[in-house]
């Protein structure tokens, strides 16, 4: 379910970054961290018994994704504001 929740937000950030021509190591690194956290969250969900501990681990990876998206969105917004 949260894949459907995260994907549109991430896609919107990527679309805005592309439209504003925002590039850089920070954005690339955050994109890779987002992808890795998503893969680890999915792997944890699929391969481990669903206990409170597994849910906590999955939430940790989800939280990393949210933080990455917030920083990415902030970077895109700041870049766009500087180049208006």
PDB file of N, CA and C in Angstrom:
ATOM      1  N   UNK A   1       0.815  -1.195   0.000  1.00  0.00           N
ATOM      2  CA  UNK A   1       0.000   0.000   0.000  1.00  0.00           C
ATOM      3  C   UNK A   1       0.864   1.267   0.000  1.00  0.00           C
ATOM      4  N   UNK A   2       1.898   1.318   0.849  1.00  0.00           N
ATOM      5  CA  UNK A   2       2.676   2.556   0.896  1.00  0.00           C
ATOM      6  C   UNK A   2       3.518   2.765  -0.356  1.00  0.00           C
ATOM      7  N   UNK A   3       3.675   1.724  -1.184  1.00  0.00           N
ATOM      8  CA  UNK A   3       4.324   1.933  -2.483  1.00  0.00           C
ATOM      9  C   UNK A   3       3.466   2.870  -3.321  1.00  0.00           C
ATOM     10  N   UNK A   4       2.157   2.693  -3.249  1.00  0.00           N
ATOM     11  CA  UNK A   4       1.248   3.573  -3.973  1.00  0.00           C
ATOM     12  C   UNK A   4       1.244   4.964  -3.365  1.00  0.00           C
ATOM     13  N   UNK A   5       1.500   5.067  -2.084  1.00  0.00           N
ATOM     14  CA  UNK A   5       1.532   6.363  -1.418  1.00  0.00           C
ATOM     15  C   UNK A   5       2.837   7.102  -1.712  1.00  0.00           C
ATOM     16  N   UNK A   6       3.959   6.394  -1.745  1.00  0.00           N
ATOM     17  CA  UNK A   6       5.262   7.021  -1.954  1.00  0.00           C
ATOM     18  C   UNK A   6       5.540   7.348  -3.410  1.00  0.00           C
ATOM     19  N   UNK A   7       5.128   6.494  -4.315  1.00  0.00           N
ATOM     20  CA  UNK A   7       5.480   6.653  -5.716  1.00  0.00           C
ATOM     21  C   UNK A   7       5.013   7.983  -6.310  1.00  0.00           C
ATOM     22  N   UNK A   8       3.768   8.410  -6.113  1.00  0.00           N
ATOM     23  CA  UNK A   8       3.360   9.699  -6.687  1.00  0.00           C
ATOM     24  C   UNK A   8       4.135  10.881  -6.111  1.00  0.00           C
ATOM     25  N   UNK A   9       4.460  10.844  -4.837  1.00  0.00           N
ATOM     26  CA  UNK A   9       5.216  11.932  -4.217  1.00  0.00           C
ATOM     27  C   UNK A   9       6.624  11.975  -4.794  1.00  0.00           C
ATOM     28  N   UNK A  10       7.268  10.822  -4.864  1.00  0.00           N
ATOM     29  CA  UNK A  10       8.618  10.753  -5.421  1.00  0.00           C
ATOM     30  C   UNK A  10       8.611  11.181  -6.894  1.00  0.00           C
ATOM     31  N   UNK A  11       7.619  10.713  -7.646  1.00  0.00           N
ATOM     32  CA  UNK A  11       7.515  11.077  -9.064  1.00  0.00           C
ATOM     33  C   UNK A  11       7.336  12.586  -9.233  1.00  0.00           C
ATOM     34  N   UNK A  12       6.551  13.201  -8.372  1.00  0.00           N
ATOM     35  CA  UNK A  12       6.348  14.654  -8.447  1.00  0.00           C
ATOM     36  C   UNK A  12       7.645  15.399  -8.163  1.00  0.00           C
ATOM     37  N   UNK A  13       8.407  14.929  -7.192  1.00  0.00           N
ATOM     38  CA  UNK A  13       9.687  15.560  -6.869  1.00  0.00           C
ATOM     39  C   UNK A  13      10.648  15.424  -8.048  1.00  0.00           C
ATOM     40  N   UNK A  14      10.710  14.247  -8.628  1.00  0.00           N
ATOM     41  CA  UNK A  14      11.599  14.015  -9.773  1.00  0.00           C
ATOM     42  C   UNK A  14      11.158  14.867 -10.963  1.00  0.00           C
ATOM     43  N   UNK A  15       9.866  14.962 -11.199  1.00  0.00           N
ATOM     44  CA  UNK A  15       9.362  15.785 -12.292  1.00  0.00           C
ATOM     45  C   UNK A  15       9.727  17.249 -12.093  1.00  0.00           C
ATOM     46  N   UNK A  16       9.543  17.754 -10.884  1.00  0.00           N
ATOM     47  CA  UNK A  16       9.895  19.150 -10.587  1.00  0.00           C
ATOM     48  C   UNK A  16      11.403  19.369 -10.704  1.00  0.00           C
ATOM     49  N   UNK A  17      12.191  18.430 -10.230  1.00  0.00           N
ATOM     50  CA  UNK A  17      13.648  18.552 -10.330  1.00  0.00           C
ATOM     51  C   UNK A  17      14.091  18.559 -11.785  1.00  0.00           C
ATOM     52  N   UNK A  18      13.477  17.721 -12.575  1.00  0.00           N
ATOM     53  CA  UNK A  18      13.811  17.670 -14.000  1.00  0.00           C
ATOM     54  C   UNK A  18      13.405  18.973 -14.693  1.00  0.00           C
ATOM     55  N   UNK A  19      12.205  19.451 -14.405  1.00  0.00           N
ATOM     56  CA  UNK A  19      11.717  20.688 -15.022  1.00  0.00           C
ATOM     57  C   UNK A  19      12.567  21.882 -14.623  1.00  0.00           C
ATOM     58  N   UNK A  20      13.024  21.914 -13.372  1.00  0.00           N
ATOM     59  CA  UNK A  20      13.850  23.027 -12.893  1.00  0.00           C
ATOM     60  C   UNK A  20      15.327  22.819 -13.196  1.00  0.00           C
ATOM     61  N   UNK A  21      15.651  21.676 -13.793  1.00  0.00           N
ATOM     62  CA  UNK A  21      17.034  21.323 -14.123  1.00  0.00           C
ATOM     63  C   UNK A  21      17.946  21.324 -12.899  1.00  0.00           C
ATOM     64  N   UNK A  22      17.428  20.765 -11.821  1.00  0.00           N
ATOM     65  CA  UNK A  22      18.208  20.637 -10.585  1.00  0.00           C
ATOM     66  C   UNK A  22      19.028  19.362 -10.684  1.00  0.00           C
ATOM     67  N   UNK A  23      20.326  19.481 -10.488  1.00  0.00           N
ATOM     68  CA  UNK A  23      21.215  18.322 -10.489  1.00  0.00           C
ATOM     69  C   UNK A  23      22.170  18.451  -9.313  1.00  0.00           C
ATOM     70  N   UNK A  24      22.982  17.447  -9.126  1.00  0.00           N
ATOM     71  CA  UNK A  24      23.995  17.527  -8.092  1.00  0.00           C
ATOM     72  C   UNK A  24      24.151  16.234  -7.339  1.00  0.00           C
ATOM     73  N   UNK A  25      25.251  16.172  -6.630  1.00  0.00           N
ATOM     74  CA  UNK A  25      25.582  14.967  -5.873  1.00  0.00           C
ATOM     75  C   UNK A  25      24.576  14.710  -4.754  1.00  0.00           C
ATOM     76  N   UNK A  26      24.094  15.770  -4.117  1.00  0.00           N
ATOM     77  CA  UNK A  26      23.134  15.594  -3.021  1.00  0.00           C
ATOM     78  C   UNK A  26      21.860  14.934  -3.525  1.00  0.00           C
ATOM     79  N   UNK A  27      21.320  15.448  -4.611  1.00  0.00           N
ATOM     80  CA  UNK A  27      20.087  14.899  -5.162  1.00  0.00           C
ATOM     81  C   UNK A  27      20.294  13.452  -5.631  1.00  0.00           C
ATOM     82  N   UNK A  28      21.415  13.188  -6.264  1.00  0.00           N
ATOM     83  CA  UNK A  28      21.711  11.829  -6.721  1.00  0.00           C
ATOM     84  C   UNK A  28      21.867  10.873  -5.544  1.00  0.00           C
ATOM     85  N   UNK A  29      22.569  11.306  -4.521  1.00  0.00           N
ATOM     86  CA  UNK A  29      22.756  10.472  -3.341  1.00  0.00           C
ATOM     87  C   UNK A  29      21.456  10.174  -2.621  1.00  0.00           C
ATOM     88  N   UNK A  30      20.615  11.196  -2.514  1.00  0.00           N
ATOM     89  CA  UNK A  30      19.320  10.993  -1.863  1.00  0.00           C
ATOM     90  C   UNK A  30      18.435  10.059  -2.683  1.00  0.00           C
ATOM     91  N   UNK A  31      18.520  10.154  -3.993  1.00  0.00           N
ATOM     92  CA  UNK A  31      17.746   9.253  -4.855  1.00  0.00           C
ATOM     93  C   UNK A  31      18.184   7.807  -4.648  1.00  0.00           C
ATOM     94  N   UNK A  32      19.491   7.596  -4.562  1.00  0.00           N
ATOM     95  CA  UNK A  32      20.006   6.242  -4.332  1.00  0.00           C
ATOM     96  C   UNK A  32      19.635   5.735  -2.941  1.00  0.00           C
ATOM     97  N   UNK A  33      19.702   6.605  -1.947  1.00  0.00           N
ATOM     98  CA  UNK A  33      19.310   6.216  -0.586  1.00  0.00           C
ATOM     99  C   UNK A  33      17.824   5.865  -0.535  1.00  0.00           C
ATOM    100  N   UNK A  34      17.006   6.643  -1.236  1.00  0.00           N
ATOM    101  CA  UNK A  34      15.565   6.373  -1.308  1.00  0.00           C
ATOM    102  C   UNK A  34      15.317   4.997  -1.913  1.00  0.00           C
ATOM    103  N   UNK A  35      15.981   4.725  -3.042  1.00  0.00           N
ATOM    104  CA  UNK A  35      15.806   3.442  -3.721  1.00  0.00           C
ATOM    105  C   UNK A  35      16.260   2.276  -2.838  1.00  0.00           C
ATOM    106  N   UNK A  36      17.409   2.435  -2.197  1.00  0.00           N
ATOM    107  CA  UNK A  36      17.913   1.366  -1.322  1.00  0.00           C
ATOM    108  C   UNK A  36      16.959   1.116  -0.155  1.00  0.00           C
ATOM    109  N   UNK A  37      16.464   2.180   0.455  1.00  0.00           N
ATOM    110  CA  UNK A  37      15.532   2.029   1.576  1.00  0.00           C
ATOM    111  C   UNK A  37      14.251   1.351   1.120  1.00  0.00           C
ATOM    112  N   UNK A  38      13.789   1.681  -0.076  1.00  0.00           N
ATOM    113  CA  UNK A  38      12.578   1.052  -0.620  1.00  0.00           C
ATOM    114  C   UNK A  38      12.808  -0.439  -0.841  1.00  0.00           C
ATOM    115  N   UNK A  39      13.966  -0.783  -1.409  1.00  0.00           N
ATOM    116  CA  UNK A  39      14.273  -2.191  -1.648  1.00  0.00           C
ATOM    117  C   UNK A  39      14.390  -2.970  -0.340  1.00  0.00           C
ATOM    118  N   UNK A  40      15.055  -2.385   0.650  1.00  0.00           N
ATOM    119  CA  UNK A  40      15.187  -3.060   1.944  1.00  0.00           C
ATOM    120  C   UNK A  40      13.841  -3.181   2.653  1.00  0.00           C
ATOM    121  N   UNK A  41      13.002  -2.183   2.536  1.00  0.00           N
ATOM    122  CA  UNK A  41      11.673  -2.258   3.152  1.00  0.00           C
ATOM    123  C   UNK A  41      10.868  -3.393   2.524  1.00  0.00           C
ATOM    124  N   UNK A  42      10.888  -3.470   1.200  1.00  0.00           N
ATOM    125  CA  UNK A  42      10.151  -4.522   0.502  1.00  0.00           C
ATOM    126  C   UNK A  42      10.718  -5.896   0.825  1.00  0.00           C
ATOM    127  N   UNK A  43      12.048  -6.001   0.849  1.00  0.00           N
ATOM    128  CA  UNK A  43      12.689  -7.271   1.169  1.00  0.00           C
ATOM    129  C   UNK A  43      12.325  -7.725   2.580  1.00  0.00           C
ATOM    130  N   UNK A  44      12.338  -6.803   3.517  1.00  0.00           N
ATOM    131  CA  UNK A  44      11.967  -7.128   4.897  1.00  0.00           C
ATOM    132  C   UNK A  44      10.519  -7.608   4.957  1.00  0.00           C
ATOM    133  N   UNK A  45       9.666  -6.971   4.202  1.00  0.00           N
ATOM    134  CA  UNK A  45       8.250  -7.334   4.201  1.00  0.00           C
ATOM    135  C   UNK A  45       8.027  -8.720   3.598  1.00  0.00           C
ATOM    136  N   UNK A  46       8.766  -9.030   2.557  1.00  0.00           N
ATOM    137  CA  UNK A  46       8.550 -10.294   1.849  1.00  0.00           C
ATOM    138  C   UNK A  46       9.204 -11.480   2.549  1.00  0.00           C
ATOM    139  N   UNK A  47      10.424 -11.321   3.028  1.00  0.00           N
ATOM    140  CA  UNK A  47      11.206 -12.470   3.466  1.00  0.00           C
ATOM    141  C   UNK A  47      11.206 -12.750   4.967  1.00  0.00           C
ATOM    142  N   UNK A  48      10.693 -11.856   5.773  1.00  0.00           N
ATOM    143  CA  UNK A  48      10.729 -12.071   7.219  1.00  0.00           C
ATOM    144  C   UNK A  48       9.325 -12.219   7.787  1.00  0.00           C
ATOM    145  N   UNK A  49       9.227 -13.036   8.824  1.00  0.00           N
ATOM    146  CA  UNK A  49       7.958 -13.197   9.528  1.00  0.00           C
ATOM    147  C   UNK A  49       7.520 -11.844  10.076  1.00  0.00           C
ATOM    148  N   UNK A  50       6.249 -11.551   9.958  1.00  0.00           N
ATOM    149  CA  UNK A  50       5.738 -10.240  10.326  1.00  0.00           C
ATOM    150  C   UNK A  50       5.516 -10.136  11.843  1.00  0.00           C
ATOM    151  N   UNK A  51       6.562  -9.746  12.520  1.00  0.00           N
ATOM    152  CA  UNK A  51       6.527  -9.537  13.961  1.00  0.00           C
ATOM    153  C   UNK A  51       6.624  -8.039  14.225  1.00  0.00           C
ATOM    154  N   UNK A  52       6.542  -7.665  15.483  1.00  0.00           N
ATOM    155  CA  UNK A  52       6.696  -6.253  15.846  1.00  0.00           C
ATOM    156  C   UNK A  52       8.082  -5.746  15.456  1.00  0.00           C
ATOM    157  N   UNK A  53       9.061  -6.594  15.603  1.00  0.00           N
ATOM    158  CA  UNK A  53      10.426  -6.202  15.245  1.00  0.00           C
ATOM    159  C   UNK A  53      10.552  -5.947  13.743  1.00  0.00           C
ATOM    160  N   UNK A  54       9.981  -6.839  12.941  1.00  0.00           N
ATOM    161  CA  UNK A  54      10.024  -6.659  11.482  1.00  0.00           C
ATOM    162  C   UNK A  54       9.277  -5.388  11.081  1.00  0.00           C
ATOM    163  N   UNK A  55       8.165  -5.119  11.733  1.00  0.00           N
ATOM    164  CA  UNK A  55       7.410  -3.900  11.437  1.00  0.00           C
ATOM    165  C   UNK A  55       8.223  -2.661  11.791  1.00  0.00           C
ATOM    166  N   UNK A  56       8.973  -2.727  12.875  1.00  0.00           N
ATOM    167  CA  UNK A  56       9.826  -1.605  13.266  1.00  0.00           C
ATOM    168  C   UNK A  56      10.940  -1.380  12.252  1.00  0.00           C
ATOM    169  N   UNK A  57      11.509  -2.469  11.771  1.00  0.00           N
ATOM    170  CA  UNK A  57      12.562  -2.358  10.752  1.00  0.00           C
ATOM    171  C   UNK A  57      11.983  -1.760   9.472  1.00  0.00           C
ATOM    172  N   UNK A  58      10.819  -2.266   9.056  1.00  0.00           N
ATOM    173  CA  UNK A  58      10.166  -1.721   7.851  1.00  0.00           C
ATOM    174  C   UNK A  58       9.859  -0.238   8.027  1.00  0.00           C
ATOM    175  N   UNK A  59       9.393   0.151   9.196  1.00  0.00           N
ATOM    176  CA  UNK A  59       9.104   1.557   9.445  1.00  0.00           C
ATOM    177  C   UNK A  59      10.383   2.390   9.365  1.00  0.00           C
ATOM    178  N   UNK A  60      11.480   1.849   9.871  1.00  0.00           N
ATOM    179  CA  UNK A  60      12.754   2.566   9.786  1.00  0.00           C
ATOM    180  C   UNK A  60      13.133   2.854   8.348  1.00  0.00           C
ATOM    181  N   UNK A  61      12.970   1.865   7.478  1.00  0.00           N
ATOM    182  CA  UNK A  61      13.268   2.077   6.054  1.00  0.00           C
ATOM    183  C   UNK A  61      12.272   3.047   5.421  1.00  0.00           C
ATOM    184  N   UNK A  62      11.015   2.961   5.823  1.00  0.00           N
ATOM    185  CA  UNK A  62      10.007   3.909   5.329  1.00  0.00           C
ATOM    186  C   UNK A  62      10.359   5.328   5.764  1.00  0.00           C
ATOM    187  N   UNK A  63      10.789   5.478   6.994  1.00  0.00           N
ATOM    188  CA  UNK A  63      11.154   6.796   7.520  1.00  0.00           C
ATOM    189  C   UNK A  63      12.327   7.387   6.736  1.00  0.00           C
ATOM    190  N   UNK A  64      13.291   6.563   6.393  1.00  0.00           N
ATOM    191  CA  UNK A  64      14.425   7.015   5.574  1.00  0.00           C
ATOM    192  C   UNK A  64      13.914   7.555   4.238  1.00  0.00           C
ATOM    193  N   UNK A  65      12.956   6.860   3.649  1.00  0.00           N
ATOM    194  CA  UNK A  65      12.385   7.320   2.383  1.00  0.00           C
ATOM    195  C   UNK A  65      11.719   8.688   2.529  1.00  0.00           C
ATOM    196  N   UNK A  66      10.967   8.856   3.588  1.00  0.00           N
ATOM    197  CA  UNK A  66      10.273  10.128   3.819  1.00  0.00           C
ATOM    198  C   UNK A  66      11.284  11.254   4.007  1.00  0.00           C
ATOM    199  N   UNK A  67      12.320  11.006   4.788  1.00  0.00           N
ATOM    200  CA  UNK A  67      13.349  12.027   5.017  1.00  0.00           C
ATOM    201  C   UNK A  67      14.037  12.380   3.698  1.00  0.00           C
ATOM    202  N   UNK A  68      14.372  11.377   2.900  1.00  0.00           N
ATOM    203  CA  UNK A  68      14.999  11.639   1.596  1.00  0.00           C
ATOM    204  C   UNK A  68      14.101  12.508   0.728  1.00  0.00           C
ATOM    205  N   UNK A  69      12.814  12.184   0.686  1.00  0.00           N
ATOM    206  CA  UNK A  69      11.895  12.961  -0.137  1.00  0.00           C
ATOM    207  C   UNK A  69      11.751  14.393   0.364  1.00  0.00           C
ATOM    208  N   UNK A  70      11.719  14.569   1.672  1.00  0.00           N
ATOM    209  CA  UNK A  70      11.602  15.923   2.224  1.00  0.00           C
ATOM    210  C   UNK A  70      12.829  16.770   1.876  1.00  0.00           C
ATOM    211  N   UNK A  71      14.001  16.186   2.022  1.00  0.00           N
ATOM    212  CA  UNK A  71      15.226  16.924   1.698  1.00  0.00           C
ATOM    213  C   UNK A  71      15.286  17.217   0.198  1.00  0.00           C
ATOM    214  N   UNK A  72      14.935  16.235  -0.618  1.00  0.00           N
ATOM    215  CA  UNK A  72      14.933  16.440  -2.070  1.00  0.00           C
ATOM    216  C   UNK A  72      13.955  17.545  -2.461  1.00  0.00           C
ATOM    217  N   UNK A  73      12.757  17.510  -1.902  1.00  0.00           N
ATOM    218  CA  UNK A  73      11.755  18.527  -2.218  1.00  0.00           C
ATOM    219  C   UNK A  73      12.237  19.901  -1.769  1.00  0.00           C
ATOM    220  N   UNK A  74      12.852  19.970  -0.603  1.00  0.00           N
ATOM    221  CA  UNK A  74      13.386  21.238  -0.120  1.00  0.00           C
ATOM    222  C   UNK A  74      14.477  21.765  -1.024  1.00  0.00           C
ATOM    223  N   UNK A  75      15.348  20.886  -1.477  1.00  0.00           N
ATOM    224  CA  UNK A  75      16.439  21.299  -2.383  1.00  0.00           C
ATOM    225  C   UNK A  75      15.887  21.828  -3.710  1.00  0.00           C
ATOM    226  N   UNK A  76      14.901  21.136  -4.250  1.00  0.00           N
ATOM    227  CA  UNK A  76      14.284  21.574  -5.505  1.00  0.00           C
ATOM    228  C   UNK A  76      13.585  22.916  -5.311  1.00  0.00           C
ATOM    229  N   UNK A  77      12.866  23.066  -4.209  1.00  0.00           N
ATOM    230  CA  UNK A  77      12.158  24.327  -3.939  1.00  0.00           C
ATOM    231  C   UNK A  77      13.135  25.488  -3.773  1.00  0.00           C
ATOM    232  N   UNK A  78      14.225  25.253  -3.036  1.00  0.00           N
ATOM    233  CA  UNK A  78      15.221  26.316  -2.857  1.00  0.00           C
ATOM    234  C   UNK A  78      15.880  26.697  -4.184  1.00  0.00           C
ATOM    235  N   UNK A  79      16.200  25.721  -4.986  1.00  0.00           N
ATOM    236  CA  UNK A  79      16.814  25.975  -6.281  1.00  0.00           C
ATOM    237  C   UNK A  79      15.862  26.787  -7.168  1.00  0.00           C
ATOM    238  N   UNK A  80      14.603  26.377  -7.177  1.00  0.00           N
ATOM    239  CA  UNK A  80      13.607  27.067  -8.000  1.00  0.00           C
ATOM    240  C   UNK A  80      13.395  28.503  -7.510  1.00  0.00           C
ATOM    241  N   UNK A  81      13.393  28.694  -6.199  1.00  0.00           N
ATOM    242  CA  UNK A  81      13.193  30.030  -5.641  1.00  0.00           C
ATOM    243  C   UNK A  81      14.373  30.955  -5.978  1.00  0.00           C
ATOM    244  N   UNK A  82      15.579  30.406  -6.027  1.00  0.00           N
ATOM    245  CA  UNK A  82      16.755  31.184  -6.344  1.00  0.00           C
ATOM    246  C   UNK A  82      16.822  31.571  -7.820  1.00  0.00           C
ATOM    247  N   UNK A  83      16.155  30.819  -8.673  1.00  0.00           N
ATOM    248  CA  UNK A  83      16.268  31.027 -10.111  1.00  0.00           C
ATOM    249  C   UNK A  83      14.951  31.493 -10.741  1.00  0.00           C
ATOM    250  N   UNK A  84      14.200  32.238  -9.994  1.00  0.00           N
ATOM    251  CA  UNK A  84      12.928  32.764 -10.525  1.00  0.00           C
ATOM    252  C   UNK A  84      13.173  34.053 -11.253  1.00  0.00           C
TER     253      UNK A  84
END
